[in-house]
Every structure is written in structure tokens, then in C-alpha cells.
Amino acid sequence: MKNEIYTISQYGKIIIDIRTIMDDRGISRNALARAINARFEVVDKWYKGSVEKIDADVLARICFVLECTPGDIIRYIDSD
């Protein structure tokens, strides 16, 4: 690692995908929001993959309810 400044196009991105797991299990956004005690808007952002900051507590509750691990819903995509 050099002392360089990297641009967004160089370091890749994080993909959040709970939609696939929820759809496979037939869980609606409303049902997940109630189960994790969160607002619909919070779950909707996770569902659409538009989360800007990951709240570890919300992530833990989602994983508990969906019976998955963070690695099942969060992926790193390289810039290549």
C-alpha cells in the first residue's frame, strides 16, 4: 500500500442484498420491520441496497430474523 489517494472507481464497492433472502423466504418488508423493531423506511433502504451507513445492531437483528450471517447479505465487489 502506497501513500496514494484512491478514487471511488479504484476501490470497488459494497453490495447489500437482503432482497434475495427475503424473497426466497417470503418475508415482506413490513414483516421484517416488525420483527426487528425498526421503521419500514430502514428496512426499505436495506431491501433496496441503498444503505449509506451500516448500523451493526440493525444488521445483527436482520441476521437473527433471517437466520443468516452478515457475509450472506454484504459483499465486496472489486473495481476490476
PDB file of N, CA and C in Angstrom:
ATOM      1  N   MET A   1       0.844  -1.171   0.000  1.00  0.00           N
ATOM      2  CA  MET A   1       0.000   0.000   0.000  1.00  0.00           C
ATOM      3  C   MET A   1       0.890   1.235   0.000  1.00  0.00           C
ATOM      4  N   LYS A   2       0.695   2.025  -0.969  1.00  0.00           N
ATOM      5  CA  LYS A   2       1.471   3.253  -1.096  1.00  0.00           C
ATOM      6  C   LYS A   2       0.702   4.404  -0.473  1.00  0.00           C
ATOM      7  N   ASN A   3       1.390   5.508  -0.315  1.00  0.00           N
ATOM      8  CA  ASN A   3       0.737   6.716   0.191  1.00  0.00           C
ATOM      9  C   ASN A   3       0.060   7.432  -0.966  1.00  0.00           C
ATOM     10  N   GLU A   4      -1.054   6.846  -1.416  1.00  0.00           N
ATOM     11  CA  GLU A   4      -1.794   7.417  -2.532  1.00  0.00           C
ATOM     12  C   GLU A   4      -3.211   7.744  -2.096  1.00  0.00           C
ATOM     13  N   ILE A   5      -3.821   8.595  -2.852  1.00  0.00           N
ATOM     14  CA  ILE A   5      -5.239   8.870  -2.650  1.00  0.00           C
ATOM     15  C   ILE A   5      -5.984   8.124  -3.742  1.00  0.00           C
ATOM     16  N   TYR A   6      -6.951   7.291  -3.322  1.00  0.00           N
ATOM     17  CA  TYR A   6      -7.706   6.487  -4.270  1.00  0.00           C
ATOM     18  C   TYR A   6      -9.052   7.131  -4.570  1.00  0.00           C
ATOM     19  N   THR A   7      -9.540   6.899  -5.770  1.00  0.00           N
ATOM     20  CA  THR A   7     -10.853   7.391  -6.165  1.00  0.00           C
ATOM     21  C   THR A   7     -11.863   6.252  -6.066  1.00  0.00           C
ATOM     22  N   ILE A   8     -13.137   6.601  -6.085  1.00  0.00           N
ATOM     23  CA  ILE A   8     -14.197   5.599  -5.977  1.00  0.00           C
ATOM     24  C   ILE A   8     -14.051   4.515  -7.034  1.00  0.00           C
ATOM     25  N   SER A   9     -13.691   4.881  -8.240  1.00  0.00           N
ATOM     26  CA  SER A   9     -13.588   3.890  -9.314  1.00  0.00           C
ATOM     27  C   SER A   9     -12.447   2.902  -9.078  1.00  0.00           C
ATOM     28  N   GLN A  10     -11.535   3.193  -8.169  1.00  0.00           N
ATOM     29  CA  GLN A  10     -10.397   2.308  -7.926  1.00  0.00           C
ATOM     30  C   GLN A  10     -10.611   1.316  -6.789  1.00  0.00           C
ATOM     31  N   TYR A  11     -11.446   1.644  -5.812  1.00  0.00           N
ATOM     32  CA  TYR A  11     -11.501   0.771  -4.648  1.00  0.00           C
ATOM     33  C   TYR A  11     -12.735  -0.121  -4.571  1.00  0.00           C
ATOM     34  N   GLY A  12     -13.585  -0.132  -5.545  1.00  0.00           N
ATOM     35  CA  GLY A  12     -14.727  -1.031  -5.553  1.00  0.00           C
ATOM     36  C   GLY A  12     -15.881  -0.518  -4.704  1.00  0.00           C
ATOM     37  N   LYS A  13     -16.802  -1.442  -4.376  1.00  0.00           N
ATOM     38  CA  LYS A  13     -17.965  -1.022  -3.593  1.00  0.00           C
ATOM     39  C   LYS A  13     -18.541  -2.188  -2.806  1.00  0.00           C
ATOM     40  N   ILE A  14     -19.375  -1.860  -1.858  1.00  0.00           N
ATOM     41  CA  ILE A  14     -20.069  -2.837  -1.028  1.00  0.00           C
ATOM     42  C   ILE A  14     -21.490  -2.992  -1.564  1.00  0.00           C
ATOM     43  N   ILE A  15     -21.912  -4.228  -1.739  1.00  0.00           N
ATOM     44  CA  ILE A  15     -23.265  -4.541  -2.196  1.00  0.00           C
ATOM     45  C   ILE A  15     -24.031  -5.160  -1.031  1.00  0.00           C
ATOM     46  N   ILE A  16     -25.210  -4.643  -0.760  1.00  0.00           N
ATOM     47  CA  ILE A  16     -26.082  -5.195   0.275  1.00  0.00           C
ATOM     48  C   ILE A  16     -27.281  -5.822  -0.427  1.00  0.00           C
ATOM     49  N   ASP A  17     -27.505  -7.109  -0.148  1.00  0.00           N
ATOM     50  CA  ASP A  17     -28.586  -7.816  -0.815  1.00  0.00           C
ATOM     51  C   ASP A  17     -29.370  -8.669   0.179  1.00  0.00           C
ATOM     52  N   ILE A  18     -30.392  -8.062   0.807  1.00  0.00           N
ATOM     53  CA  ILE A  18     -31.282  -8.876   1.636  1.00  0.00           C
ATOM     54  C   ILE A  18     -32.536  -9.242   0.845  1.00  0.00           C
ATOM     55  N   ARG A  19     -32.720  -8.582  -0.285  1.00  0.00           N
ATOM     56  CA  ARG A  19     -33.908  -8.841  -1.112  1.00  0.00           C
ATOM     57  C   ARG A  19     -34.006 -10.318  -1.493  1.00  0.00           C
ATOM     58  N   THR A  20     -32.909 -10.889  -1.923  1.00  0.00           N
ATOM     59  CA  THR A  20     -32.916 -12.287  -2.357  1.00  0.00           C
ATOM     60  C   THR A  20     -33.346 -13.215  -1.226  1.00  0.00           C
ATOM     61  N   ILE A  21     -32.770 -13.026  -0.054  1.00  0.00           N
ATOM     62  CA  ILE A  21     -33.099 -13.882   1.095  1.00  0.00           C
ATOM     63  C   ILE A  21     -34.557 -13.673   1.502  1.00  0.00           C
ATOM     64  N   MET A  22     -34.985 -12.429   1.557  1.00  0.00           N
ATOM     65  CA  MET A  22     -36.365 -12.148   1.945  1.00  0.00           C
ATOM     66  C   MET A  22     -37.354 -12.738   0.945  1.00  0.00           C
ATOM     67  N   ASP A  23     -37.092 -12.557  -0.335  1.00  0.00           N
ATOM     68  CA  ASP A  23     -37.990 -13.081  -1.362  1.00  0.00           C
ATOM     69  C   ASP A  23     -38.026 -14.613  -1.336  1.00  0.00           C
ATOM     70  N   ASP A  24     -36.863 -15.242  -1.152  1.00  0.00           N
ATOM     71  CA  ASP A  24     -36.809 -16.708  -1.076  1.00  0.00           C
ATOM     72  C   ASP A  24     -37.624 -17.244   0.097  1.00  0.00           C
ATOM     73  N   ARG A  25     -37.650 -16.499   1.178  1.00  0.00           N
ATOM     74  CA  ARG A  25     -38.341 -16.950   2.389  1.00  0.00           C
ATOM     75  C   ARG A  25     -39.745 -16.375   2.529  1.00  0.00           C
ATOM     76  N   GLY A  26     -40.151 -15.556   1.575  1.00  0.00           N
ATOM     77  CA  GLY A  26     -41.496 -14.996   1.595  1.00  0.00           C
ATOM     78  C   GLY A  26     -41.739 -14.004   2.717  1.00  0.00           C
ATOM     79  N   ILE A  27     -40.706 -13.263   3.087  1.00  0.00           N
ATOM     80  CA  ILE A  27     -40.823 -12.273   4.156  1.00  0.00           C
ATOM     81  C   ILE A  27     -40.950 -10.888   3.531  1.00  0.00           C
ATOM     82  N   SER A  28     -41.993 -10.171   3.904  1.00  0.00           N
ATOM     83  CA  SER A  28     -42.205  -8.824   3.372  1.00  0.00           C
ATOM     84  C   SER A  28     -41.374  -7.811   4.155  1.00  0.00           C
ATOM     85  N   ARG A  29     -41.238  -6.630   3.602  1.00  0.00           N
ATOM     86  CA  ARG A  29     -40.527  -5.558   4.296  1.00  0.00           C
ATOM     87  C   ARG A  29     -41.255  -5.159   5.572  1.00  0.00           C
ATOM     88  N   ASN A  30     -42.583  -5.150   5.512  1.00  0.00           N
ATOM     89  CA  ASN A  30     -43.366  -4.821   6.713  1.00  0.00           C
ATOM     90  C   ASN A  30     -43.139  -5.860   7.808  1.00  0.00           C
ATOM     91  N   ALA A  31     -43.151  -7.123   7.432  1.00  0.00           N
ATOM     92  CA  ALA A  31     -42.963  -8.197   8.418  1.00  0.00           C
ATOM     93  C   ALA A  31     -41.573  -8.129   9.035  1.00  0.00           C
ATOM     94  N   LEU A  32     -40.549  -7.869   8.217  1.00  0.00           N
ATOM     95  CA  LEU A  32     -39.191  -7.771   8.743  1.00  0.00           C
ATOM     96  C   LEU A  32     -39.063  -6.556   9.661  1.00  0.00           C
ATOM     97  N   ALA A  33     -39.656  -5.446   9.268  1.00  0.00           N
ATOM     98  CA  ALA A  33     -39.598  -4.237  10.098  1.00  0.00           C
ATOM     99  C   ALA A  33     -40.207  -4.503  11.476  1.00  0.00           C
ATOM    100  N   ARG A  34     -41.344  -5.180  11.513  1.00  0.00           N
ATOM    101  CA  ARG A  34     -41.965  -5.511  12.801  1.00  0.00           C
ATOM    102  C   ARG A  34     -41.081  -6.472  13.599  1.00  0.00           C
ATOM    103  N   ALA A  35     -40.514  -7.476  12.918  1.00  0.00           N
ATOM    104  CA  ALA A  35     -39.715  -8.496  13.605  1.00  0.00           C
ATOM    105  C   ALA A  35     -38.437  -7.930  14.214  1.00  0.00           C
ATOM    106  N   ILE A  36     -37.842  -6.920  13.567  1.00  0.00           N
ATOM    107  CA  ILE A  36     -36.588  -6.367  14.099  1.00  0.00           C
ATOM    108  C   ILE A  36     -36.817  -5.071  14.865  1.00  0.00           C
ATOM    109  N   ASN A  37     -38.095  -4.693  15.000  1.00  0.00           N
ATOM    110  CA  ASN A  37     -38.456  -3.479  15.730  1.00  0.00           C
ATOM    111  C   ASN A  37     -37.781  -2.241  15.127  1.00  0.00           C
ATOM    112  N   ALA A  38     -37.986  -2.073  13.822  1.00  0.00           N
ATOM    113  CA  ALA A  38     -37.416  -0.927  13.102  1.00  0.00           C
ATOM    114  C   ALA A  38     -38.500  -0.318  12.216  1.00  0.00           C
ATOM    115  N   ARG A  39     -38.269   0.911  11.808  1.00  0.00           N
ATOM    116  CA  ARG A  39     -39.205   1.567  10.891  1.00  0.00           C
ATOM    117  C   ARG A  39     -39.132   0.912   9.511  1.00  0.00           C
ATOM    118  N   PHE A  40     -40.251   0.969   8.780  1.00  0.00           N
ATOM    119  CA  PHE A  40     -40.307   0.423   7.428  1.00  0.00           C
ATOM    120  C   PHE A  40     -39.226   1.047   6.551  1.00  0.00           C
ATOM    121  N   GLU A  41     -39.001   2.350   6.705  1.00  0.00           N
ATOM    122  CA  GLU A  41     -38.021   3.058   5.867  1.00  0.00           C
ATOM    123  C   GLU A  41     -36.611   2.492   6.029  1.00  0.00           C
ATOM    124  N   VAL A  42     -36.285   2.055   7.242  1.00  0.00           N
ATOM    125  CA  VAL A  42     -34.967   1.463   7.491  1.00  0.00           C
ATOM    126  C   VAL A  42     -34.837   0.148   6.711  1.00  0.00           C
ATOM    127  N   VAL A  43     -35.843  -0.698   6.843  1.00  0.00           N
ATOM    128  CA  VAL A  43     -35.826  -1.990   6.141  1.00  0.00           C
ATOM    129  C   VAL A  43     -35.866  -1.770   4.637  1.00  0.00           C
ATOM    130  N   ASP A  44     -36.631  -0.788   4.195  1.00  0.00           N
ATOM    131  CA  ASP A  44     -36.731  -0.497   2.766  1.00  0.00           C
ATOM    132  C   ASP A  44     -35.374  -0.122   2.178  1.00  0.00           C
ATOM    133  N   LYS A  45     -34.578   0.656   2.912  1.00  0.00           N
ATOM    134  CA  LYS A  45     -33.225   1.000   2.433  1.00  0.00           C
ATOM    135  C   LYS A  45     -32.347  -0.239   2.323  1.00  0.00           C
ATOM    136  N   TRP A  46     -32.427  -1.124   3.310  1.00  0.00           N
ATOM    137  CA  TRP A  46     -31.659  -2.372   3.247  1.00  0.00           C
ATOM    138  C   TRP A  46     -32.145  -3.219   2.072  1.00  0.00           C
ATOM    139  N   TYR A  47     -33.452  -3.295   1.901  1.00  0.00           N
ATOM    140  CA  TYR A  47     -34.049  -4.098   0.830  1.00  0.00           C
ATOM    141  C   TYR A  47     -33.605  -3.597  -0.544  1.00  0.00           C
ATOM    142  N   LYS A  48     -33.559  -2.284  -0.702  1.00  0.00           N
ATOM    143  CA  LYS A  48     -33.165  -1.688  -1.984  1.00  0.00           C
ATOM    144  C   LYS A  48     -31.652  -1.574  -2.144  1.00  0.00           C
ATOM    145  N   GLY A  49     -30.894  -1.922  -1.097  1.00  0.00           N
ATOM    146  CA  GLY A  49     -29.442  -1.843  -1.172  1.00  0.00           C
ATOM    147  C   GLY A  49     -28.926  -0.417  -1.151  1.00  0.00           C
ATOM    148  N   SER A  50     -29.694   0.499  -0.571  1.00  0.00           N
ATOM    149  CA  SER A  50     -29.293   1.905  -0.571  1.00  0.00           C
ATOM    150  C   SER A  50     -28.884   2.396   0.814  1.00  0.00           C
ATOM    151  N   VAL A  51     -28.368   1.497   1.636  1.00  0.00           N
ATOM    152  CA  VAL A  51     -27.904   1.865   2.972  1.00  0.00           C
ATOM    153  C   VAL A  51     -26.612   2.663   2.832  1.00  0.00           C
ATOM    154  N   GLU A  52     -26.552   3.810   3.499  1.00  0.00           N
ATOM    155  CA  GLU A  52     -25.355   4.638   3.438  1.00  0.00           C
ATOM    156  C   GLU A  52     -24.387   4.319   4.562  1.00  0.00           C
ATOM    157  N   LYS A  53     -24.931   4.028   5.741  1.00  0.00           N
ATOM    158  CA  LYS A  53     -24.109   3.666   6.894  1.00  0.00           C
ATOM    159  C   LYS A  53     -24.696   2.413   7.514  1.00  0.00           C
ATOM    160  N   ILE A  54     -23.846   1.443   7.774  1.00  0.00           N
ATOM    161  CA  ILE A  54     -24.316   0.171   8.316  1.00  0.00           C
ATOM    162  C   ILE A  54     -24.375   0.249   9.837  1.00  0.00           C
ATOM    163  N   ASP A  55     -25.564   0.078  10.366  1.00  0.00           N
ATOM    164  CA  ASP A  55     -25.785   0.038  11.807  1.00  0.00           C
ATOM    165  C   ASP A  55     -25.623  -1.420  12.243  1.00  0.00           C
ATOM    166  N   ALA A  56     -24.605  -1.705  13.054  1.00  0.00           N
ATOM    167  CA  ALA A  56     -24.304  -3.079  13.455  1.00  0.00           C
ATOM    168  C   ALA A  56     -25.462  -3.724  14.209  1.00  0.00           C
ATOM    169  N   ASP A  57     -26.197  -2.947  14.990  1.00  0.00           N
ATOM    170  CA  ASP A  57     -27.332  -3.501  15.726  1.00  0.00           C
ATOM    171  C   ASP A  57     -28.445  -3.920  14.777  1.00  0.00           C
ATOM    172  N   VAL A  58     -28.755  -3.084  13.796  1.00  0.00           N
ATOM    173  CA  VAL A  58     -29.770  -3.424  12.804  1.00  0.00           C
ATOM    174  C   VAL A  58     -29.327  -4.652  12.016  1.00  0.00           C
ATOM    175  N   LEU A  59     -28.079  -4.682  11.627  1.00  0.00           N
ATOM    176  CA  LEU A  59     -27.548  -5.833  10.893  1.00  0.00           C
ATOM    177  C   LEU A  59     -27.678  -7.113  11.713  1.00  0.00           C
ATOM    178  N   ALA A  60     -27.362  -7.050  13.000  1.00  0.00           N
ATOM    179  CA  ALA A  60     -27.474  -8.225  13.861  1.00  0.00           C
ATOM    180  C   ALA A  60     -28.924  -8.698  13.952  1.00  0.00           C
ATOM    181  N   ARG A  61     -29.860  -7.760  14.082  1.00  0.00           N
ATOM    182  CA  ARG A  61     -31.278  -8.129  14.166  1.00  0.00           C
ATOM    183  C   ARG A  61     -31.766  -8.742  12.863  1.00  0.00           C
ATOM    184  N   ILE A  62     -31.340  -8.177  11.725  1.00  0.00           N
ATOM    185  CA  ILE A  62     -31.720  -8.738  10.420  1.00  0.00           C
ATOM    186  C   ILE A  62     -31.183 -10.158  10.285  1.00  0.00           C
ATOM    187  N   CYS A  63     -29.920 -10.355  10.643  1.00  0.00           N
ATOM    188  CA  CYS A  63     -29.322 -11.685  10.538  1.00  0.00           C
ATOM    189  C   CYS A  63     -30.023 -12.689  11.447  1.00  0.00           C
ATOM    190  N   PHE A  64     -30.406 -12.264  12.639  1.00  0.00           N
ATOM    191  CA  PHE A  64     -31.105 -13.148  13.575  1.00  0.00           C
ATOM    192  C   PHE A  64     -32.444 -13.594  13.000  1.00  0.00           C
ATOM    193  N   VAL A  65     -33.209 -12.629  12.498  1.00  0.00           N
ATOM    194  CA  VAL A  65     -34.542 -12.942  11.973  1.00  0.00           C
ATOM    195  C   VAL A  65     -34.462 -13.748  10.676  1.00  0.00           C
ATOM    196  N   LEU A  66     -33.536 -13.401   9.796  1.00  0.00           N
ATOM    197  CA  LEU A  66     -33.414 -14.106   8.515  1.00  0.00           C
ATOM    198  C   LEU A  66     -32.567 -15.378   8.616  1.00  0.00           C
ATOM    199  N   GLU A  67     -32.019 -15.626   9.811  1.00  0.00           N
ATOM    200  CA  GLU A  67     -31.169 -16.802  10.052  1.00  0.00           C
ATOM    201  C   GLU A  67     -30.047 -16.890   9.021  1.00  0.00           C
ATOM    202  N   CYS A  68     -29.274 -15.801   8.963  1.00  0.00           N
ATOM    203  CA  CYS A  68     -28.157 -15.740   8.031  1.00  0.00           C
ATOM    204  C   CYS A  68     -26.990 -15.047   8.720  1.00  0.00           C
ATOM    205  N   THR A  69     -25.897 -14.890   8.021  1.00  0.00           N
ATOM    206  CA  THR A  69     -24.736 -14.182   8.541  1.00  0.00           C
ATOM    207  C   THR A  69     -24.548 -12.886   7.740  1.00  0.00           C
ATOM    208  N   PRO A  70     -23.798 -11.937   8.278  1.00  0.00           N
ATOM    209  CA  PRO A  70     -23.543 -10.715   7.508  1.00  0.00           C
ATOM    210  C   PRO A  70     -22.932 -11.009   6.131  1.00  0.00           C
ATOM    211  N   GLY A  71     -22.101 -12.047   6.061  1.00  0.00           N
ATOM    212  CA  GLY A  71     -21.488 -12.412   4.784  1.00  0.00           C
ATOM    213  C   GLY A  71     -22.479 -12.900   3.740  1.00  0.00           C
ATOM    214  N   ASP A  72     -23.666 -13.303   4.180  1.00  0.00           N
ATOM    215  CA  ASP A  72     -24.699 -13.740   3.242  1.00  0.00           C
ATOM    216  C   ASP A  72     -25.368 -12.560   2.546  1.00  0.00           C
ATOM    217  N   ILE A  73     -25.313 -11.386   3.168  1.00  0.00           N
ATOM    218  CA  ILE A  73     -26.030 -10.240   2.593  1.00  0.00           C
ATOM    219  C   ILE A  73     -25.140  -9.059   2.212  1.00  0.00           C
ATOM    220  N   ILE A  74     -23.880  -9.079   2.657  1.00  0.00           N
ATOM    221  CA  ILE A  74     -22.961  -7.994   2.339  1.00  0.00           C
ATOM    222  C   ILE A  74     -21.781  -8.559   1.554  1.00  0.00           C
ATOM    223  N   ARG A  75     -21.542  -7.982   0.388  1.00  0.00           N
ATOM    224  CA  ARG A  75     -20.435  -8.441  -0.463  1.00  0.00           C
ATOM    225  C   ARG A  75     -19.585  -7.259  -0.909  1.00  0.00           C
ATOM    226  N   TYR A  76     -18.310  -7.517  -1.087  1.00  0.00           N
ATOM    227  CA  TYR A  76     -17.409  -6.511  -1.645  1.00  0.00           C
ATOM    228  C   TYR A  76     -17.190  -6.832  -3.120  1.00  0.00           C
ATOM    229  N   ILE A  77     -17.392  -5.855  -3.982  1.00  0.00           N
ATOM    230  CA  ILE A  77     -17.159  -6.004  -5.420  1.00  0.00           C
ATOM    231  C   ILE A  77     -15.947  -5.172  -5.790  1.00  0.00           C
ATOM    232  N   ASP A  78     -14.915  -5.834  -6.292  1.00  0.00           N
ATOM    233  CA  ASP A  78     -13.691  -5.159  -6.701  1.00  0.00           C
ATOM    234  C   ASP A  78     -13.961  -4.266  -7.912  1.00  0.00           C
ATOM    235  N   SER A  79     -13.114  -3.299  -8.112  1.00  0.00           N
ATOM    236  CA  SER A  79     -13.301  -2.337  -9.202  1.00  0.00           C
ATOM    237  C   SER A  79     -12.960  -2.913 -10.574  1.00  0.00           C
ATOM    238  N   ASP A  80     -12.323  -4.076 -10.604  1.00  0.00           N
ATOM    239  CA  ASP A  80     -11.922  -4.661 -11.905  1.00  0.00           C
ATOM    240  C   ASP A  80     -13.066  -5.055 -12.769  1.00  0.00           C
TER     241      ASP A  80
END
